[in-house]
Amino acid sequence: MSFPTSLNSQITDSVTQVNTKVLGDSPAQALGSFMIATSQALSNAAHNATTSQFNANITSQAATTQGVATLYSVDTASTGIATEKIFQ
């Protein structure tokens, strides 16, 4: 301190050092918070991509099953029509 005060100089030095430490730690804490927020966002994106892929696979399986069922039913339908024409 450049001018005399009514406080003990050790107290003012201690407060000044604490304030300097807080100012020095702030960038590191801000960067840490930024990195945590970024990692959470990337984790959510990866989770969403995995969930979307899983749902797409389920849809693909359902479409394949429906297509196979349709292919098998074509033979049954044609047999039914032929049988109907035979009995007429």
PDB file of N, CA and C in Angstrom:
ATOM      1  N   MET A   1       0.854  -1.176   0.000  1.00  0.00           N
ATOM      2  CA  MET A   1       0.000   0.000   0.000  1.00  0.00           C
ATOM      3  C   MET A   1       0.899   1.238   0.000  1.00  0.00           C
ATOM      4  N   SER A   2       0.540   2.205  -0.734  1.00  0.00           N
ATOM      5  CA  SER A   2       1.404   3.379  -0.873  1.00  0.00           C
ATOM      6  C   SER A   2       1.093   4.471   0.139  1.00  0.00           C
ATOM      7  N   PHE A   3      -0.038   4.345   0.816  1.00  0.00           N
ATOM      8  CA  PHE A   3      -0.358   5.397   1.779  1.00  0.00           C
ATOM      9  C   PHE A   3      -0.726   4.739   3.111  1.00  0.00           C
ATOM     10  N   PRO A   4      -0.473   5.397   4.197  1.00  0.00           N
ATOM     11  CA  PRO A   4      -0.775   4.788   5.507  1.00  0.00           C
ATOM     12  C   PRO A   4      -2.287   4.757   5.760  1.00  0.00           C
ATOM     13  N   THR A   5      -2.743   3.679   6.379  1.00  0.00           N
ATOM     14  CA  THR A   5      -4.168   3.540   6.725  1.00  0.00           C
ATOM     15  C   THR A   5      -4.282   3.235   8.205  1.00  0.00           C
ATOM     16  N   SER A   6      -5.518   3.277   8.722  1.00  0.00           N
ATOM     17  CA  SER A   6      -5.725   2.987  10.134  1.00  0.00           C
ATOM     18  C   SER A   6      -5.765   1.483  10.403  1.00  0.00           C
ATOM     19  N   LEU A   7      -5.786   0.659   9.321  1.00  0.00           N
ATOM     20  CA  LEU A   7      -5.792  -0.792   9.468  1.00  0.00           C
ATOM     21  C   LEU A   7      -4.371  -1.319   9.555  1.00  0.00           C
ATOM     22  N   ASN A   8      -4.278  -2.497  10.081  1.00  0.00           N
ATOM     23  CA  ASN A   8      -2.993  -3.169  10.151  1.00  0.00           C
ATOM     24  C   ASN A   8      -2.545  -3.492   8.716  1.00  0.00           C
ATOM     25  N   SER A   9      -1.302  -3.271   8.400  1.00  0.00           N
ATOM     26  CA  SER A   9      -0.816  -3.498   7.045  1.00  0.00           C
ATOM     27  C   SER A   9      -0.850  -4.973   6.678  1.00  0.00           C
ATOM     28  N   GLN A  10      -0.742  -5.858   7.655  1.00  0.00           N
ATOM     29  CA  GLN A  10      -0.821  -7.286   7.360  1.00  0.00           C
ATOM     30  C   GLN A  10      -2.218  -7.677   6.879  1.00  0.00           C
ATOM     31  N   ILE A  11      -3.236  -7.048   7.426  1.00  0.00           N
ATOM     32  CA  ILE A  11      -4.617  -7.327   7.003  1.00  0.00           C
ATOM     33  C   ILE A  11      -4.834  -6.855   5.575  1.00  0.00           C
ATOM     34  N   THR A  12      -4.392  -5.659   5.293  1.00  0.00           N
ATOM     35  CA  THR A  12      -4.590  -5.155   3.926  1.00  0.00           C
ATOM     36  C   THR A  12      -3.792  -5.977   2.921  1.00  0.00           C
ATOM     37  N   ASP A  13      -2.605  -6.413   3.291  1.00  0.00           N
ATOM     38  CA  ASP A  13      -1.823  -7.267   2.394  1.00  0.00           C
ATOM     39  C   ASP A  13      -2.520  -8.605   2.175  1.00  0.00           C
ATOM     40  N   SER A  14      -3.082  -9.163   3.239  1.00  0.00           N
ATOM     41  CA  SER A  14      -3.775 -10.454   3.125  1.00  0.00           C
ATOM     42  C   SER A  14      -4.982 -10.343   2.203  1.00  0.00           C
ATOM     43  N   VAL A  15      -5.780  -9.300   2.370  1.00  0.00           N
ATOM     44  CA  VAL A  15      -6.959  -9.101   1.526  1.00  0.00           C
ATOM     45  C   VAL A  15      -6.539  -8.883   0.078  1.00  0.00           C
ATOM     46  N   THR A  16      -5.487  -8.117  -0.132  1.00  0.00           N
ATOM     47  CA  THR A  16      -4.997  -7.873  -1.484  1.00  0.00           C
ATOM     48  C   THR A  16      -4.530  -9.164  -2.140  1.00  0.00           C
ATOM     49  N   GLN A  17      -3.830  -9.996  -1.392  1.00  0.00           N
ATOM     50  CA  GLN A  17      -3.348 -11.262  -1.945  1.00  0.00           C
ATOM     51  C   GLN A  17      -4.507 -12.200  -2.279  1.00  0.00           C
ATOM     52  N   VAL A  18      -5.521 -12.234  -1.430  1.00  0.00           N
ATOM     53  CA  VAL A  18      -6.692 -13.082  -1.707  1.00  0.00           C
ATOM     54  C   VAL A  18      -7.407 -12.588  -2.953  1.00  0.00           C
ATOM     55  N   ASN A  19      -7.582 -11.297  -3.084  1.00  0.00           N
ATOM     56  CA  ASN A  19      -8.235 -10.748  -4.277  1.00  0.00           C
ATOM     57  C   ASN A  19      -7.426 -11.065  -5.531  1.00  0.00           C
ATOM     58  N   THR A  20      -6.099 -10.978  -5.438  1.00  0.00           N
ATOM     59  CA  THR A  20      -5.251 -11.299  -6.580  1.00  0.00           C
ATOM     60  C   THR A  20      -5.367 -12.774  -6.946  1.00  0.00           C
ATOM     61  N   LYS A  21      -5.442 -13.645  -5.926  1.00  0.00           N
ATOM     62  CA  LYS A  21      -5.594 -15.076  -6.184  1.00  0.00           C
ATOM     63  C   LYS A  21      -6.918 -15.358  -6.868  1.00  0.00           C
ATOM     64  N   VAL A  22      -7.984 -14.723  -6.419  1.00  0.00           N
ATOM     65  CA  VAL A  22      -9.298 -14.927  -7.041  1.00  0.00           C
ATOM     66  C   VAL A  22      -9.257 -14.498  -8.506  1.00  0.00           C
ATOM     67  N   LEU A  23      -8.646 -13.356  -8.769  1.00  0.00           N
ATOM     68  CA  LEU A  23      -8.534 -12.893 -10.154  1.00  0.00           C
ATOM     69  C   LEU A  23      -7.667 -13.823 -10.991  1.00  0.00           C
ATOM     70  N   GLY A  24      -6.649 -14.414 -10.380  1.00  0.00           N
ATOM     71  CA  GLY A  24      -5.785 -15.336 -11.105  1.00  0.00           C
ATOM     72  C   GLY A  24      -6.447 -16.673 -11.387  1.00  0.00           C
ATOM     73  N   ASP A  25      -7.318 -17.116 -10.488  1.00  0.00           N
ATOM     74  CA  ASP A  25      -7.990 -18.409 -10.662  1.00  0.00           C
ATOM     75  C   ASP A  25      -9.192 -18.338 -11.591  1.00  0.00           C
ATOM     76  N   SER A  26      -9.738 -17.169 -11.800  1.00  0.00           N
ATOM     77  CA  SER A  26     -10.966 -17.031 -12.596  1.00  0.00           C
ATOM     78  C   SER A  26     -10.856 -17.582 -14.007  1.00  0.00           C
ATOM     79  N   PRO A  27      -9.803 -17.296 -14.769  1.00  0.00           N
ATOM     80  CA  PRO A  27      -9.733 -17.857 -16.132  1.00  0.00           C
ATOM     81  C   PRO A  27      -9.715 -19.379 -16.142  1.00  0.00           C
ATOM     82  N   ALA A  28      -8.990 -19.984 -15.194  1.00  0.00           N
ATOM     83  CA  ALA A  28      -8.929 -21.443 -15.145  1.00  0.00           C
ATOM     84  C   ALA A  28     -10.304 -22.031 -14.815  1.00  0.00           C
ATOM     85  N   GLN A  29     -11.008 -21.426 -13.895  1.00  0.00           N
ATOM     86  CA  GLN A  29     -12.337 -21.922 -13.544  1.00  0.00           C
ATOM     87  C   GLN A  29     -13.312 -21.734 -14.702  1.00  0.00           C
ATOM     88  N   ALA A  30     -13.216 -20.622 -15.395  1.00  0.00           N
ATOM     89  CA  ALA A  30     -14.089 -20.392 -16.551  1.00  0.00           C
ATOM     90  C   ALA A  30     -13.817 -21.409 -17.643  1.00  0.00           C
ATOM     91  N   LEU A  31     -12.534 -21.692 -17.896  1.00  0.00           N
ATOM     92  CA  LEU A  31     -12.184 -22.671 -18.918  1.00  0.00           C
ATOM     93  C   LEU A  31     -12.640 -24.065 -18.512  1.00  0.00           C
ATOM     94  N   GLY A  32     -12.508 -24.392 -17.227  1.00  0.00           N
ATOM     95  CA  GLY A  32     -12.987 -25.679 -16.748  1.00  0.00           C
ATOM     96  C   GLY A  32     -14.489 -25.835 -16.922  1.00  0.00           C
ATOM     97  N   SER A  33     -15.232 -24.804 -16.600  1.00  0.00           N
ATOM     98  CA  SER A  33     -16.690 -24.845 -16.785  1.00  0.00           C
ATOM     99  C   SER A  33     -17.047 -24.974 -18.263  1.00  0.00           C
ATOM    100  N   PHE A  34     -16.309 -24.278 -19.114  1.00  0.00           N
ATOM    101  CA  PHE A  34     -16.542 -24.360 -20.551  1.00  0.00           C
ATOM    102  C   PHE A  34     -16.292 -25.771 -21.065  1.00  0.00           C
ATOM    103  N   MET A  35     -15.209 -26.385 -20.590  1.00  0.00           N
ATOM    104  CA  MET A  35     -14.887 -27.744 -21.034  1.00  0.00           C
ATOM    105  C   MET A  35     -15.929 -28.746 -20.558  1.00  0.00           C
ATOM    106  N   ILE A  36     -16.430 -28.580 -19.353  1.00  0.00           N
ATOM    107  CA  ILE A  36     -17.474 -29.485 -18.844  1.00  0.00           C
ATOM    108  C   ILE A  36     -18.745 -29.332 -19.669  1.00  0.00           C
ATOM    109  N   ALA A  37     -19.137 -28.102 -19.955  1.00  0.00           N
ATOM    110  CA  ALA A  37     -20.345 -27.880 -20.760  1.00  0.00           C
ATOM    111  C   ALA A  37     -20.185 -28.460 -22.158  1.00  0.00           C
ATOM    112  N   THR A  38     -18.996 -28.297 -22.743  1.00  0.00           N
ATOM    113  CA  THR A  38     -18.747 -28.837 -24.084  1.00  0.00           C
ATOM    114  C   THR A  38     -18.779 -30.355 -24.082  1.00  0.00           C
ATOM    115  N   SER A  39     -18.164 -30.960 -23.081  1.00  0.00           N
ATOM    116  CA  SER A  39     -18.154 -32.428 -23.027  1.00  0.00           C
ATOM    117  C   SER A  39     -19.553 -32.977 -22.812  1.00  0.00           C
ATOM    118  N   GLN A  40     -20.366 -32.307 -22.025  1.00  0.00           N
ATOM    119  CA  GLN A  40     -21.747 -32.760 -21.839  1.00  0.00           C
ATOM    120  C   GLN A  40     -22.537 -32.639 -23.136  1.00  0.00           C
ATOM    121  N   ALA A  41     -22.327 -31.549 -23.873  1.00  0.00           N
ATOM    122  CA  ALA A  41     -23.033 -31.389 -25.145  1.00  0.00           C
ATOM    123  C   ALA A  41     -22.622 -32.463 -26.142  1.00  0.00           C
ATOM    124  N   LEU A  42     -21.324 -32.772 -26.204  1.00  0.00           N
ATOM    125  CA  LEU A  42     -20.863 -33.818 -27.117  1.00  0.00           C
ATOM    126  C   LEU A  42     -21.370 -35.189 -26.692  1.00  0.00           C
ATOM    127  N   SER A  43     -21.448 -35.428 -25.401  1.00  0.00           N
ATOM    128  CA  SER A  43     -21.990 -36.698 -24.918  1.00  0.00           C
ATOM    129  C   SER A  43     -23.462 -36.839 -25.281  1.00  0.00           C
ATOM    130  N   ASN A  44     -24.210 -35.765 -25.142  1.00  0.00           N
ATOM    131  CA  ASN A  44     -25.625 -35.799 -25.535  1.00  0.00           C
ATOM    132  C   ASN A  44     -25.768 -36.036 -27.033  1.00  0.00           C
ATOM    133  N   ALA A  45     -24.907 -35.432 -27.827  1.00  0.00           N
ATOM    134  CA  ALA A  45     -24.963 -35.643 -29.277  1.00  0.00           C
ATOM    135  C   ALA A  45     -24.662 -37.095 -29.632  1.00  0.00           C
ATOM    136  N   ALA A  46     -23.672 -37.687 -28.982  1.00  0.00           N
ATOM    137  CA  ALA A  46     -23.345 -39.091 -29.245  1.00  0.00           C
ATOM    138  C   ALA A  46     -24.486 -40.004 -28.812  1.00  0.00           C
ATOM    139  N   HIS A  47     -25.087 -39.693 -27.688  1.00  0.00           N
ATOM    140  CA  HIS A  47     -26.219 -40.499 -27.220  1.00  0.00           C
ATOM    141  C   HIS A  47     -27.398 -40.390 -28.178  1.00  0.00           C
ATOM    142  N   ASN A  48     -27.676 -39.192 -28.644  1.00  0.00           N
ATOM    143  CA  ASN A  48     -28.773 -39.007 -29.598  1.00  0.00           C
ATOM    144  C   ASN A  48     -28.504 -39.737 -30.906  1.00  0.00           C
ATOM    145  N   ALA A  49     -27.262 -39.723 -31.367  1.00  0.00           N
ATOM    146  CA  ALA A  49     -26.921 -40.434 -32.604  1.00  0.00           C
ATOM    147  C   ALA A  49     -27.102 -41.936 -32.429  1.00  0.00           C
ATOM    148  N   THR A  50     -26.691 -42.461 -31.287  1.00  0.00           N
ATOM    149  CA  THR A  50     -26.846 -43.889 -31.015  1.00  0.00           C
ATOM    150  C   THR A  50     -28.318 -44.270 -30.954  1.00  0.00           C
ATOM    151  N   THR A  51     -29.113 -43.463 -30.294  1.00  0.00           N
ATOM    152  CA  THR A  51     -30.541 -43.740 -30.188  1.00  0.00           C
ATOM    153  C   THR A  51     -31.214 -43.683 -31.553  1.00  0.00           C
ATOM    154  N   SER A  52     -30.831 -42.705 -32.362  1.00  0.00           N
ATOM    155  CA  SER A  52     -31.403 -42.600 -33.711  1.00  0.00           C
ATOM    156  C   SER A  52     -31.038 -43.806 -34.564  1.00  0.00           C
ATOM    157  N   GLN A  53     -29.796 -44.253 -34.454  1.00  0.00           N
ATOM    158  CA  GLN A  53     -29.364 -45.420 -35.222  1.00  0.00           C
ATOM    159  C   GLN A  53     -30.125 -46.664 -34.777  1.00  0.00           C
ATOM    160  N   PHE A  54     -30.317 -46.806 -33.477  1.00  0.00           N
ATOM    161  CA  PHE A  54     -31.071 -47.950 -32.960  1.00  0.00           C
ATOM    162  C   PHE A  54     -32.510 -47.931 -33.474  1.00  0.00           C
ATOM    163  N   ASN A  55     -33.131 -46.760 -33.440  1.00  0.00           N
ATOM    164  CA  ASN A  55     -34.510 -46.650 -33.927  1.00  0.00           C
ATOM    165  C   ASN A  55     -34.594 -46.895 -35.431  1.00  0.00           C
ATOM    166  N   ALA A  56     -33.596 -46.453 -36.171  1.00  0.00           N
ATOM    167  CA  ALA A  56     -33.578 -46.711 -37.615  1.00  0.00           C
ATOM    168  C   ALA A  56     -33.443 -48.204 -37.897  1.00  0.00           C
ATOM    169  N   ASN A  57     -32.643 -48.906 -37.101  1.00  0.00           N
ATOM    170  CA  ASN A  57     -32.507 -50.351 -37.282  1.00  0.00           C
ATOM    171  C   ASN A  57     -33.827 -51.070 -37.003  1.00  0.00           C
ATOM    172  N   ILE A  58     -34.537 -50.627 -35.990  1.00  0.00           N
ATOM    173  CA  ILE A  58     -35.838 -51.241 -35.689  1.00  0.00           C
ATOM    174  C   ILE A  58     -36.803 -51.012 -36.851  1.00  0.00           C
ATOM    175  N   THR A  59     -36.799 -49.792 -37.399  1.00  0.00           N
ATOM    176  CA  THR A  59     -37.669 -49.488 -38.542  1.00  0.00           C
ATOM    177  C   THR A  59     -37.285 -50.332 -39.751  1.00  0.00           C
ATOM    178  N   SER A  60     -35.991 -50.496 -39.977  1.00  0.00           N
ATOM    179  CA  SER A  60     -35.538 -51.322 -41.106  1.00  0.00           C
ATOM    180  C   SER A  60     -35.967 -52.774 -40.942  1.00  0.00           C
ATOM    181  N   GLN A  61     -35.854 -53.289 -39.738  1.00  0.00           N
ATOM    182  CA  GLN A  61     -36.283 -54.666 -39.483  1.00  0.00           C
ATOM    183  C   GLN A  61     -37.784 -54.826 -39.697  1.00  0.00           C
ATOM    184  N   ALA A  62     -38.558 -53.838 -39.261  1.00  0.00           N
ATOM    185  CA  ALA A  62     -40.003 -53.906 -39.452  1.00  0.00           C
ATOM    186  C   ALA A  62     -40.352 -53.862 -40.936  1.00  0.00           C
ATOM    187  N   ALA A  63     -39.669 -53.007 -41.702  1.00  0.00           N
ATOM    188  CA  ALA A  63     -39.930 -52.920 -43.137  1.00  0.00           C
ATOM    189  C   ALA A  63     -39.542 -54.214 -43.843  1.00  0.00           C
ATOM    190  N   THR A  64     -38.421 -54.811 -43.440  1.00  0.00           N
ATOM    191  CA  THR A  64     -37.996 -56.078 -44.034  1.00  0.00           C
ATOM    192  C   THR A  64     -38.993 -57.182 -43.728  1.00  0.00           C
ATOM    193  N   THR A  65     -39.446 -57.238 -42.499  1.00  0.00           N
ATOM    194  CA  THR A  65     -40.432 -58.245 -42.115  1.00  0.00           C
ATOM    195  C   THR A  65     -41.721 -58.085 -42.906  1.00  0.00           C
ATOM    196  N   GLN A  66     -42.155 -56.846 -43.073  1.00  0.00           N
ATOM    197  CA  GLN A  66     -43.373 -56.595 -43.836  1.00  0.00           C
ATOM    198  C   GLN A  66     -43.179 -56.979 -45.300  1.00  0.00           C
ATOM    199  N   GLY A  67     -41.999 -56.687 -45.850  1.00  0.00           N
ATOM    200  CA  GLY A  67     -41.728 -57.041 -47.242  1.00  0.00           C
ATOM    201  C   GLY A  67     -41.703 -58.543 -47.454  1.00  0.00           C
ATOM    202  N   VAL A  68     -41.068 -59.266 -46.537  1.00  0.00           N
ATOM    203  CA  VAL A  68     -41.035 -60.726 -46.643  1.00  0.00           C
ATOM    204  C   VAL A  68     -42.441 -61.296 -46.511  1.00  0.00           C
ATOM    205  N   ALA A  69     -43.217 -60.778 -45.584  1.00  0.00           N
ATOM    206  CA  ALA A  69     -44.592 -61.243 -45.421  1.00  0.00           C
ATOM    207  C   ALA A  69     -45.402 -60.990 -46.691  1.00  0.00           C
ATOM    208  N   THR A  70     -45.173 -59.855 -47.330  1.00  0.00           N
ATOM    209  CA  THR A  70     -45.860 -59.552 -48.592  1.00  0.00           C
ATOM    210  C   THR A  70     -45.442 -60.525 -49.687  1.00  0.00           C
ATOM    211  N   LEU A  71     -44.149 -60.816 -49.767  1.00  0.00           N
ATOM    212  CA  LEU A  71     -43.678 -61.774 -50.777  1.00  0.00           C
ATOM    213  C   LEU A  71     -44.289 -63.157 -50.564  1.00  0.00           C
ATOM    214  N   TYR A  72     -44.366 -63.591 -49.322  1.00  0.00           N
ATOM    215  CA  TYR A  72     -44.960 -64.900 -49.049  1.00  0.00           C
ATOM    216  C   TYR A  72     -46.460 -64.902 -49.315  1.00  0.00           C
ATOM    217  N   SER A  73     -47.121 -63.780 -49.121  1.00  0.00           N
ATOM    218  CA  SER A  73     -48.572 -63.744 -49.321  1.00  0.00           C
ATOM    219  C   SER A  73     -48.938 -63.690 -50.803  1.00  0.00           C
ATOM    220  N   VAL A  74     -48.017 -63.284 -51.683  1.00  0.00           N
ATOM    221  CA  VAL A  74     -48.308 -63.236 -53.122  1.00  0.00           C
ATOM    222  C   VAL A  74     -48.599 -64.643 -53.630  1.00  0.00           C
ATOM    223  N   ASP A  75     -47.793 -65.615 -53.224  1.00  0.00           N
ATOM    224  CA  ASP A  75     -48.001 -67.000 -53.646  1.00  0.00           C
ATOM    225  C   ASP A  75     -49.337 -67.527 -53.122  1.00  0.00           C
ATOM    226  N   THR A  76     -49.665 -67.207 -51.886  1.00  0.00           N
ATOM    227  CA  THR A  76     -50.929 -67.660 -51.308  1.00  0.00           C
ATOM    228  C   THR A  76     -52.109 -67.034 -52.033  1.00  0.00           C
ATOM    229  N   ALA A  77     -52.004 -65.756 -52.369  1.00  0.00           N
ATOM    230  CA  ALA A  77     -53.095 -65.085 -53.063  1.00  0.00           C
ATOM    231  C   ALA A  77     -53.285 -65.662 -54.458  1.00  0.00           C
ATOM    232  N   SER A  78     -52.181 -65.902 -55.151  1.00  0.00           N
ATOM    233  CA  SER A  78     -52.321 -66.451 -56.506  1.00  0.00           C
ATOM    234  C   SER A  78     -52.869 -67.878 -56.456  1.00  0.00           C
ATOM    235  N   THR A  79     -52.497 -68.644 -55.457  1.00  0.00           N
ATOM    236  CA  THR A  79     -53.048 -69.999 -55.300  1.00  0.00           C
ATOM    237  C   THR A  79     -54.539 -69.930 -55.007  1.00  0.00           C
ATOM    238  N   GLY A  80     -54.929 -68.982 -54.186  1.00  0.00           N
ATOM    239  CA  GLY A  80     -56.353 -68.831 -53.873  1.00  0.00           C
ATOM    240  C   GLY A  80     -57.160 -68.436 -55.098  1.00  0.00           C
ATOM    241  N   ILE A  81     -56.616 -67.541 -55.901  1.00  0.00           N
ATOM    242  CA  ILE A  81     -57.330 -67.114 -57.119  1.00  0.00           C
ATOM    243  C   ILE A  81     -57.428 -68.277 -58.105  1.00  0.00           C
ATOM    244  N   ALA A  82     -56.340 -69.021 -58.269  1.00  0.00           N
ATOM    245  CA  ALA A  82     -56.358 -70.170 -59.189  1.00  0.00           C
ATOM    246  C   ALA A  82     -57.363 -71.226 -58.715  1.00  0.00           C
ATOM    247  N   THR A  83     -57.376 -71.468 -57.415  1.00  0.00           N
ATOM    248  CA  THR A  83     -58.332 -72.446 -56.865  1.00  0.00           C
ATOM    249  C   THR A  83     -59.745 -71.988 -57.078  1.00  0.00           C
ATOM    250  N   GLU A  84     -59.999 -70.703 -56.892  1.00  0.00           N
ATOM    251  CA  GLU A  84     -61.353 -70.161 -57.100  1.00  0.00           C
ATOM    252  C   GLU A  84     -61.777 -70.330 -58.559  1.00  0.00           C
ATOM    253  N   LYS A  85     -60.871 -70.100 -59.508  1.00  0.00           N
ATOM    254  CA  LYS A  85     -61.201 -70.229 -60.925  1.00  0.00           C
ATOM    255  C   LYS A  85     -61.448 -71.707 -61.283  1.00  0.00           C
ATOM    256  N   ILE A  86     -60.731 -72.594 -60.633  1.00  0.00           N
ATOM    257  CA  ILE A  86     -60.915 -74.019 -60.891  1.00  0.00           C
ATOM    258  C   ILE A  86     -62.306 -74.470 -60.458  1.00  0.00           C
ATOM    259  N   PHE A  87     -62.754 -73.999 -59.316  1.00  0.00           N
ATOM    260  CA  PHE A  87     -64.044 -74.423 -58.774  1.00  0.00           C
ATOM    261  C   PHE A  87     -65.221 -73.712 -59.411  1.00  0.00           C
ATOM    262  N   GLN A  88     -65.015 -72.770 -60.253  1.00  0.00           N
ATOM    263  CA  GLN A  88     -66.149 -72.066 -60.858  1.00  0.00           C
ATOM    264  C   GLN A  88     -66.637 -72.749 -62.077  1.00  0.00           C
TER     265      GLN A  88
END
